[in-house]
């Protein structure tokens, strides 16, 4: 349910964040493409390919963030960080290492 907290903050105060890492968040449909396009925060969109609900749904909305990158973890479900911790941490650390 993190999207209910993180997305409003991102849209209102994204300039305060060095980066944003949503993991198949809920509530992404509540905002428009135009709202997402205003956010300039570098974003790593992470989800598991076995997350047949929220992963793809969130991607359809979050892909409107102009500075995004997508990582789909093969063989992982909604809690992709639990199913594939090494792959998750590799992607996360790579993203964090690129932030300024």
N, C-alpha and C. Protein backbone atom coordinates (compact mmCIF):
# COMPACT_ATOMS: atom_id res chain seq x y z
N UNK A 1 0.81 -1.21 0.00
CA UNK A 1 0.00 0.00 0.00
C UNK A 1 0.85 1.27 0.00
N UNK A 2 2.13 1.13 -0.24
CA UNK A 2 3.05 2.27 -0.16
C UNK A 2 2.71 3.37 -1.15
N UNK A 3 2.09 3.02 -2.26
CA UNK A 3 1.76 4.03 -3.26
C UNK A 3 0.82 5.09 -2.74
N UNK A 4 -0.02 4.75 -1.79
CA UNK A 4 -0.96 5.72 -1.21
C UNK A 4 -0.23 6.84 -0.47
N UNK A 5 0.98 6.57 -0.03
CA UNK A 5 1.78 7.57 0.69
C UNK A 5 2.85 8.18 -0.21
N UNK A 6 3.53 7.33 -0.96
CA UNK A 6 4.68 7.77 -1.74
C UNK A 6 4.29 8.62 -2.95
N UNK A 7 3.24 8.24 -3.66
CA UNK A 7 2.88 8.97 -4.88
C UNK A 7 2.44 10.41 -4.61
N UNK A 8 1.59 10.66 -3.60
CA UNK A 8 1.26 12.06 -3.33
C UNK A 8 2.49 12.89 -2.96
N UNK A 9 3.42 12.30 -2.21
CA UNK A 9 4.63 13.03 -1.86
C UNK A 9 5.48 13.29 -3.10
N UNK A 10 5.63 12.28 -3.94
CA UNK A 10 6.41 12.44 -5.17
C UNK A 10 5.85 13.56 -6.03
N UNK A 11 4.55 13.58 -6.22
CA UNK A 11 3.93 14.59 -7.09
C UNK A 11 3.99 15.99 -6.49
N UNK A 12 3.95 16.09 -5.17
CA UNK A 12 3.96 17.40 -4.52
C UNK A 12 5.37 17.90 -4.20
N UNK A 13 6.29 16.97 -3.93
CA UNK A 13 7.62 17.37 -3.44
C UNK A 13 8.75 16.59 -4.08
N UNK A 14 8.56 16.14 -5.30
CA UNK A 14 9.57 15.33 -5.97
C UNK A 14 10.93 15.98 -6.05
N UNK A 15 10.96 17.30 -6.08
CA UNK A 15 12.25 18.01 -6.16
C UNK A 15 13.09 17.80 -4.90
N UNK A 16 12.49 17.33 -3.82
CA UNK A 16 13.22 17.07 -2.58
C UNK A 16 13.87 15.69 -2.57
N UNK A 17 13.57 14.89 -3.56
CA UNK A 17 14.07 13.52 -3.61
C UNK A 17 15.19 13.39 -4.64
N UNK A 18 16.22 12.64 -4.28
CA UNK A 18 17.29 12.34 -5.24
C UNK A 18 16.84 11.27 -6.21
N UNK A 19 15.96 10.37 -5.75
CA UNK A 19 15.46 9.29 -6.58
C UNK A 19 14.22 8.68 -5.96
N UNK A 20 13.52 7.89 -6.77
CA UNK A 20 12.27 7.26 -6.33
C UNK A 20 12.28 5.83 -6.85
N UNK A 21 11.93 4.87 -5.98
CA UNK A 21 11.92 3.46 -6.36
C UNK A 21 10.58 2.84 -5.97
N UNK A 22 9.57 2.94 -6.84
CA UNK A 22 8.30 2.27 -6.57
C UNK A 22 8.39 0.80 -6.94
N UNK A 23 7.82 -0.03 -6.11
CA UNK A 23 7.80 -1.47 -6.37
C UNK A 23 6.34 -1.88 -6.48
N UNK A 24 5.83 -1.89 -7.71
CA UNK A 24 4.43 -2.23 -7.99
C UNK A 24 3.48 -1.56 -7.01
N UNK A 25 3.49 -0.22 -6.94
CA UNK A 25 2.66 0.47 -5.97
C UNK A 25 1.18 0.49 -6.36
N UNK A 26 0.33 0.61 -5.37
CA UNK A 26 -1.10 0.80 -5.61
C UNK A 26 -1.37 2.27 -5.83
N UNK A 27 -2.50 2.58 -6.42
CA UNK A 27 -2.94 3.96 -6.56
C UNK A 27 -2.38 4.72 -7.74
N UNK A 28 -1.67 4.05 -8.63
CA UNK A 28 -1.06 4.77 -9.74
C UNK A 28 -2.08 5.32 -10.73
N UNK A 29 -3.24 4.70 -10.81
CA UNK A 29 -4.27 5.15 -11.76
C UNK A 29 -4.96 6.44 -11.31
N UNK A 30 -4.72 6.84 -10.08
CA UNK A 30 -5.39 8.03 -9.54
C UNK A 30 -4.80 9.34 -10.07
N UNK A 31 -3.71 9.25 -10.81
CA UNK A 31 -3.04 10.44 -11.32
C UNK A 31 -2.95 10.38 -12.83
N UNK A 32 -2.92 11.54 -13.46
CA UNK A 32 -2.92 11.60 -14.92
C UNK A 32 -1.50 11.55 -15.47
N UNK A 33 -1.41 11.26 -16.76
CA UNK A 33 -0.13 11.27 -17.45
C UNK A 33 0.52 12.65 -17.32
N UNK A 34 -0.27 13.69 -17.40
CA UNK A 34 0.25 15.06 -17.30
C UNK A 34 0.89 15.29 -15.93
N UNK A 35 0.24 14.79 -14.88
CA UNK A 35 0.80 14.94 -13.53
C UNK A 35 2.15 14.22 -13.43
N UNK A 36 2.21 13.01 -13.95
CA UNK A 36 3.46 12.25 -13.91
C UNK A 36 4.55 12.95 -14.74
N UNK A 37 4.18 13.52 -15.85
CA UNK A 37 5.16 14.15 -16.73
C UNK A 37 5.82 15.38 -16.10
N UNK A 38 5.21 15.94 -15.08
CA UNK A 38 5.77 17.10 -14.39
C UNK A 38 6.90 16.73 -13.43
N UNK A 39 6.98 15.46 -13.07
CA UNK A 39 7.96 15.00 -12.08
C UNK A 39 9.32 14.80 -12.75
N UNK A 40 10.34 15.40 -12.19
CA UNK A 40 11.69 15.29 -12.75
C UNK A 40 12.61 14.42 -11.88
N UNK A 41 12.05 13.67 -10.97
CA UNK A 41 12.82 12.80 -10.09
C UNK A 41 13.22 11.53 -10.82
N UNK A 42 14.50 11.19 -10.84
CA UNK A 42 14.91 9.91 -11.43
C UNK A 42 14.19 8.76 -10.72
N UNK A 43 13.66 7.83 -11.50
CA UNK A 43 12.82 6.77 -10.94
C UNK A 43 13.23 5.41 -11.48
N UNK A 44 13.32 4.45 -10.59
CA UNK A 44 13.55 3.05 -10.95
C UNK A 44 12.25 2.31 -10.68
N UNK A 45 11.59 1.86 -11.73
CA UNK A 45 10.35 1.11 -11.60
C UNK A 45 10.71 -0.37 -11.57
N UNK A 46 10.42 -1.01 -10.46
CA UNK A 46 10.76 -2.42 -10.25
C UNK A 46 9.51 -3.25 -10.03
N UNK A 47 9.45 -4.40 -10.69
CA UNK A 47 8.38 -5.35 -10.39
C UNK A 47 8.77 -6.72 -10.91
N UNK A 48 8.10 -7.74 -10.40
CA UNK A 48 8.35 -9.11 -10.82
C UNK A 48 7.46 -9.50 -11.98
N UNK A 49 7.98 -10.33 -12.87
CA UNK A 49 7.18 -10.73 -14.04
C UNK A 49 6.01 -11.63 -13.67
N UNK A 50 5.99 -12.16 -12.46
CA UNK A 50 4.85 -12.96 -12.00
C UNK A 50 3.82 -12.14 -11.24
N UNK A 51 4.05 -10.85 -11.13
CA UNK A 51 3.08 -9.93 -10.53
C UNK A 51 2.13 -9.52 -11.65
N UNK A 52 1.10 -10.30 -11.84
CA UNK A 52 0.20 -10.11 -12.98
C UNK A 52 -0.80 -8.98 -12.78
N UNK A 53 -0.89 -8.45 -11.58
CA UNK A 53 -1.84 -7.38 -11.33
C UNK A 53 -1.18 -6.03 -11.25
N UNK A 54 -0.59 -5.74 -10.13
CA UNK A 54 -0.06 -4.40 -9.88
C UNK A 54 1.17 -4.04 -10.70
N UNK A 55 2.01 -4.99 -11.02
CA UNK A 55 3.23 -4.67 -11.76
C UNK A 55 2.94 -4.00 -13.09
N UNK A 56 2.18 -4.65 -13.92
CA UNK A 56 1.85 -4.08 -15.24
C UNK A 56 0.97 -2.84 -15.12
N UNK A 57 0.03 -2.88 -14.19
CA UNK A 57 -0.86 -1.73 -13.98
C UNK A 57 -0.05 -0.50 -13.59
N UNK A 58 0.86 -0.66 -12.65
CA UNK A 58 1.68 0.47 -12.21
C UNK A 58 2.55 0.98 -13.35
N UNK A 59 3.12 0.07 -14.12
CA UNK A 59 3.97 0.47 -15.23
C UNK A 59 3.22 1.33 -16.23
N UNK A 60 1.98 1.01 -16.51
CA UNK A 60 1.19 1.78 -17.48
C UNK A 60 1.07 3.24 -17.07
N UNK A 61 1.01 3.50 -15.79
CA UNK A 61 0.94 4.88 -15.30
C UNK A 61 2.32 5.49 -15.13
N UNK A 62 3.22 4.77 -14.46
CA UNK A 62 4.52 5.32 -14.10
C UNK A 62 5.43 5.53 -15.31
N UNK A 63 5.14 4.89 -16.42
CA UNK A 63 5.98 5.08 -17.61
C UNK A 63 5.91 6.52 -18.13
N UNK A 64 4.96 7.30 -17.62
CA UNK A 64 4.85 8.71 -18.00
C UNK A 64 5.83 9.59 -17.24
N UNK A 65 6.49 9.03 -16.23
CA UNK A 65 7.55 9.79 -15.54
C UNK A 65 8.70 9.95 -16.52
N UNK A 66 9.15 11.16 -16.78
CA UNK A 66 10.14 11.37 -17.84
C UNK A 66 11.51 10.76 -17.57
N UNK A 67 11.89 10.63 -16.33
CA UNK A 67 13.23 10.12 -16.01
C UNK A 67 13.14 8.75 -15.34
N UNK A 68 12.51 7.82 -16.02
CA UNK A 68 12.33 6.49 -15.43
C UNK A 68 13.16 5.43 -16.14
N UNK A 69 13.40 4.38 -15.41
CA UNK A 69 14.03 3.17 -15.92
C UNK A 69 13.22 2.01 -15.36
N UNK A 70 13.05 0.95 -16.13
CA UNK A 70 12.24 -0.20 -15.71
C UNK A 70 13.12 -1.43 -15.58
N UNK A 71 12.94 -2.15 -14.47
CA UNK A 71 13.58 -3.44 -14.28
C UNK A 71 12.49 -4.44 -13.91
N UNK A 72 12.37 -5.49 -14.71
CA UNK A 72 11.43 -6.57 -14.44
C UNK A 72 12.24 -7.78 -13.98
N UNK A 73 11.96 -8.25 -12.77
CA UNK A 73 12.70 -9.37 -12.22
C UNK A 73 12.03 -10.68 -12.61
N UNK A 74 12.73 -11.46 -13.38
CA UNK A 74 12.23 -12.74 -13.88
C UNK A 74 12.02 -13.72 -12.73
N UNK A 75 10.87 -14.35 -12.71
CA UNK A 75 10.57 -15.36 -11.70
C UNK A 75 10.13 -14.79 -10.36
N UNK A 76 9.89 -13.49 -10.30
CA UNK A 76 9.49 -12.86 -9.05
C UNK A 76 8.03 -12.41 -9.11
N UNK A 77 7.39 -12.44 -7.97
CA UNK A 77 6.01 -11.99 -7.85
C UNK A 77 5.94 -10.56 -7.36
N UNK A 78 4.84 -10.23 -6.69
CA UNK A 78 4.64 -8.86 -6.22
C UNK A 78 5.75 -8.43 -5.26
N UNK A 79 6.12 -9.28 -4.34
CA UNK A 79 7.22 -8.97 -3.41
C UNK A 79 8.54 -9.40 -4.06
N UNK A 80 8.89 -8.73 -5.13
CA UNK A 80 10.06 -9.13 -5.93
C UNK A 80 11.36 -9.09 -5.12
N UNK A 81 11.43 -8.23 -4.14
CA UNK A 81 12.60 -8.12 -3.28
C UNK A 81 12.77 -9.35 -2.39
N UNK A 82 11.68 -10.07 -2.14
CA UNK A 82 11.74 -11.31 -1.36
C UNK A 82 12.06 -12.49 -2.27
N UNK A 83 11.41 -12.51 -3.44
CA UNK A 83 11.59 -13.63 -4.36
C UNK A 83 12.97 -13.66 -5.01
N UNK A 84 13.50 -12.51 -5.33
CA UNK A 84 14.79 -12.41 -6.02
C UNK A 84 15.66 -11.33 -5.37
N UNK A 85 16.10 -11.56 -4.12
CA UNK A 85 16.81 -10.50 -3.40
C UNK A 85 18.11 -10.07 -4.05
N UNK A 86 18.86 -10.99 -4.62
CA UNK A 86 20.14 -10.60 -5.24
C UNK A 86 19.90 -9.72 -6.46
N UNK A 87 18.96 -10.12 -7.31
CA UNK A 87 18.64 -9.33 -8.50
C UNK A 87 18.07 -7.96 -8.12
N UNK A 88 17.23 -7.96 -7.11
CA UNK A 88 16.63 -6.72 -6.63
C UNK A 88 17.72 -5.76 -6.15
N UNK A 89 18.60 -6.25 -5.30
CA UNK A 89 19.64 -5.38 -4.75
C UNK A 89 20.64 -4.93 -5.81
N UNK A 90 20.91 -5.76 -6.77
CA UNK A 90 21.81 -5.38 -7.87
C UNK A 90 21.19 -4.20 -8.65
N UNK A 91 19.91 -4.31 -8.97
CA UNK A 91 19.23 -3.23 -9.70
C UNK A 91 19.15 -1.97 -8.85
N UNK A 92 18.80 -2.12 -7.59
CA UNK A 92 18.68 -0.98 -6.70
C UNK A 92 20.01 -0.27 -6.50
N UNK A 93 21.05 -1.02 -6.21
CA UNK A 93 22.36 -0.41 -6.00
C UNK A 93 22.90 0.24 -7.27
N UNK A 94 22.63 -0.37 -8.42
CA UNK A 94 23.04 0.24 -9.68
C UNK A 94 22.35 1.58 -9.90
N UNK A 95 21.07 1.64 -9.61
CA UNK A 95 20.30 2.88 -9.74
C UNK A 95 20.82 3.93 -8.75
N UNK A 96 20.98 3.54 -7.50
CA UNK A 96 21.43 4.49 -6.48
C UNK A 96 22.82 5.04 -6.80
N UNK A 97 23.66 4.19 -7.39
CA UNK A 97 25.01 4.62 -7.75
C UNK A 97 25.04 5.66 -8.86
N UNK A 98 23.96 5.76 -9.61
CA UNK A 98 23.89 6.74 -10.70
C UNK A 98 23.27 8.08 -10.29
N UNK A 99 22.73 8.13 -9.09
CA UNK A 99 22.10 9.37 -8.63
C UNK A 99 23.15 10.39 -8.21
N UNK A 100 22.78 11.64 -8.34
CA UNK A 100 23.70 12.71 -7.96
C UNK A 100 23.23 13.37 -6.68
